[in-house]
Amino acid sequence: MEEIKPNEVYTTEETRNFLKISESTIKRFLKKGIIKAYKVGGRYRIWGREILRLLSPEIESKVYKAYRKAKEKTKKKIENW
């Protein structure tokens, strides 16, 4: 597999191949702002550092913390019913 270079620009197709995700998933990531991208000539371009940011363990821990927080909040709401 090719190395992801932080200062190189990639297409959505190249990004999908790096992340091994579907076309609908990449569209969802772009729409929700999970991946920051720039539109050039009607097509998205993504910096390599954005792809690397998604692959970092730091993101995983942030997602877990957000999940735990949402779970606890939901538990408290249910208890109040």
C-alpha atoms as a PDB file:
ATOM      1  CA  MET A   1       0.000   0.000   0.000  1.00  0.00           C
ATOM      2  CA  GLU A   2       1.094   3.509  -0.767  1.00  0.00           C
ATOM      3  CA  GLU A   3       2.200   5.798   2.056  1.00  0.00           C
ATOM      4  CA  ILE A   4      -0.064   8.711   2.940  1.00  0.00           C
ATOM      5  CA  LYS A   5       1.880  11.971   2.732  1.00  0.00           C
ATOM      6  CA  PRO A   6       0.558  14.769   4.980  1.00  0.00           C
ATOM      7  CA  ASN A   7       1.246  17.583   2.504  1.00  0.00           C
ATOM      8  CA  GLU A   8      -0.165  15.844  -0.557  1.00  0.00           C
ATOM      9  CA  VAL A   9      -3.704  16.319  -1.859  1.00  0.00           C
ATOM     10  CA  TYR A  10      -5.880  13.275  -2.559  1.00  0.00           C
ATOM     11  CA  THR A  11      -9.161  12.670  -4.360  1.00  0.00           C
ATOM     12  CA  THR A  12     -12.191  11.154  -2.652  1.00  0.00           C
ATOM     13  CA  GLU A  13     -11.541   7.867  -4.447  1.00  0.00           C
ATOM     14  CA  GLU A  14      -7.959   7.695  -3.197  1.00  0.00           C
ATOM     15  CA  THR A  15      -9.164   8.563   0.306  1.00  0.00           C
ATOM     16  CA  ARG A  16     -11.813   5.820   0.145  1.00  0.00           C
ATOM     17  CA  ASN A  17      -9.110   3.323  -0.817  1.00  0.00           C
ATOM     18  CA  PHE A  18      -6.854   4.398   2.058  1.00  0.00           C
ATOM     19  CA  LEU A  19      -9.665   4.213   4.616  1.00  0.00           C
ATOM     20  CA  LYS A  20     -11.346   1.178   3.002  1.00  0.00           C
ATOM     21  CA  ILE A  21     -14.801   2.737   3.165  1.00  0.00           C
ATOM     22  CA  SER A  22     -17.707   2.917   0.720  1.00  0.00           C
ATOM     23  CA  GLU A  23     -18.691   5.834  -1.465  1.00  0.00           C
ATOM     24  CA  SER A  24     -21.739   6.564   0.699  1.00  0.00           C
ATOM     25  CA  THR A  25     -19.557   6.627   3.832  1.00  0.00           C
ATOM     26  CA  ILE A  26     -17.085   9.115   2.344  1.00  0.00           C
ATOM     27  CA  LYS A  27     -20.026  11.320   1.286  1.00  0.00           C
ATOM     28  CA  ARG A  28     -21.438  11.156   4.819  1.00  0.00           C
ATOM     29  CA  PHE A  29     -18.025  12.008   6.323  1.00  0.00           C
ATOM     30  CA  LEU A  30     -17.704  15.017   4.012  1.00  0.00           C
ATOM     31  CA  LYS A  31     -21.258  16.214   4.659  1.00  0.00           C
ATOM     32  CA  LYS A  32     -20.908  15.960   8.449  1.00  0.00           C
ATOM     33  CA  GLY A  33     -17.460  17.556   8.436  1.00  0.00           C
ATOM     34  CA  ILE A  34     -15.674  14.493   9.790  1.00  0.00           C
ATOM     35  CA  ILE A  35     -13.222  14.890   6.920  1.00  0.00           C
ATOM     36  CA  LYS A  36     -12.312  18.444   5.995  1.00  0.00           C
ATOM     37  CA  ALA A  37     -12.071  18.876   2.234  1.00  0.00           C
ATOM     38  CA  TYR A  38     -11.885  21.585  -0.403  1.00  0.00           C
ATOM     39  CA  LYS A  39     -13.865  21.697  -3.596  1.00  0.00           C
ATOM     40  CA  VAL A  40     -11.747  22.304  -6.688  1.00  0.00           C
ATOM     41  CA  GLY A  41     -13.453  22.285 -10.061  1.00  0.00           C
ATOM     42  CA  GLY A  42     -16.559  20.657  -8.588  1.00  0.00           C
ATOM     43  CA  ARG A  43     -14.628  17.805  -6.977  1.00  0.00           C
ATOM     44  CA  TYR A  44     -13.428  17.353  -3.418  1.00  0.00           C
ATOM     45  CA  ARG A  45      -9.731  17.376  -2.580  1.00  0.00           C
ATOM     46  CA  ILE A  46      -8.490  16.120   0.771  1.00  0.00           C
ATOM     47  CA  TRP A  47      -5.134  16.815   2.415  1.00  0.00           C
ATOM     48  CA  GLY A  48      -3.158  13.771   3.511  1.00  0.00           C
ATOM     49  CA  ARG A  49      -2.988  15.124   7.064  1.00  0.00           C
ATOM     50  CA  GLU A  50      -6.803  14.858   7.251  1.00  0.00           C
ATOM     51  CA  ILE A  51      -6.633  11.172   6.321  1.00  0.00           C
ATOM     52  CA  LEU A  52      -3.870  10.577   8.862  1.00  0.00           C
ATOM     53  CA  ARG A  53      -5.897  12.407  11.528  1.00  0.00           C
ATOM     54  CA  LEU A  54      -8.754   9.948  11.011  1.00  0.00           C
ATOM     55  CA  LEU A  55      -6.407   7.000  11.359  1.00  0.00           C
ATOM     56  CA  SER A  56      -4.791   8.219  14.578  1.00  0.00           C
ATOM     57  CA  PRO A  57      -5.535   6.512  17.908  1.00  0.00           C
ATOM     58  CA  GLU A  58      -6.309   9.941  19.390  1.00  0.00           C
ATOM     59  CA  ILE A  59      -9.511  10.143  17.342  1.00  0.00           C
ATOM     60  CA  GLU A  60     -10.581   6.724  18.584  1.00  0.00           C
ATOM     61  CA  SER A  61     -10.248   7.807  22.215  1.00  0.00           C
ATOM     62  CA  LYS A  62     -12.245  11.006  21.529  1.00  0.00           C
ATOM     63  CA  VAL A  63     -15.020   8.971  19.928  1.00  0.00           C
ATOM     64  CA  TYR A  64     -15.083   6.591  22.899  1.00  0.00           C
ATOM     65  CA  LYS A  65     -15.317   9.506  25.344  1.00  0.00           C
ATOM     66  CA  ALA A  66     -18.181  11.048  23.375  1.00  0.00           C
ATOM     67  CA  TYR A  67     -19.953   7.684  23.272  1.00  0.00           C
ATOM     68  CA  ARG A  68     -19.586   7.218  27.049  1.00  0.00           C
ATOM     69  CA  LYS A  69     -20.873  10.727  27.697  1.00  0.00           C
ATOM     70  CA  ALA A  70     -23.919  10.176  25.463  1.00  0.00           C
ATOM     71  CA  LYS A  71     -24.573   6.805  27.095  1.00  0.00           C
ATOM     72  CA  GLU A  72     -24.494   8.292  30.609  1.00  0.00           C
ATOM     73  CA  LYS A  73     -26.758  11.167  29.581  1.00  0.00           C
ATOM     74  CA  THR A  74     -29.243   8.692  28.081  1.00  0.00           C
ATOM     75  CA  LYS A  75     -29.196   6.583  31.246  1.00  0.00           C
ATOM     76  CA  LYS A  76     -30.016   9.634  33.379  1.00  0.00           C
ATOM     77  CA  LYS A  77     -32.895  10.636  31.086  1.00  0.00           C
ATOM     78  CA  ILE A  78     -34.357   7.115  31.237  1.00  0.00           C
ATOM     79  CA  GLU A  79     -34.079   7.024  35.045  1.00  0.00           C
ATOM     80  CA  ASN A  80     -36.084  10.263  35.263  1.00  0.00           C
ATOM     81  CA  TRP A  81     -39.015   8.745  33.362  1.00  0.00           C
END
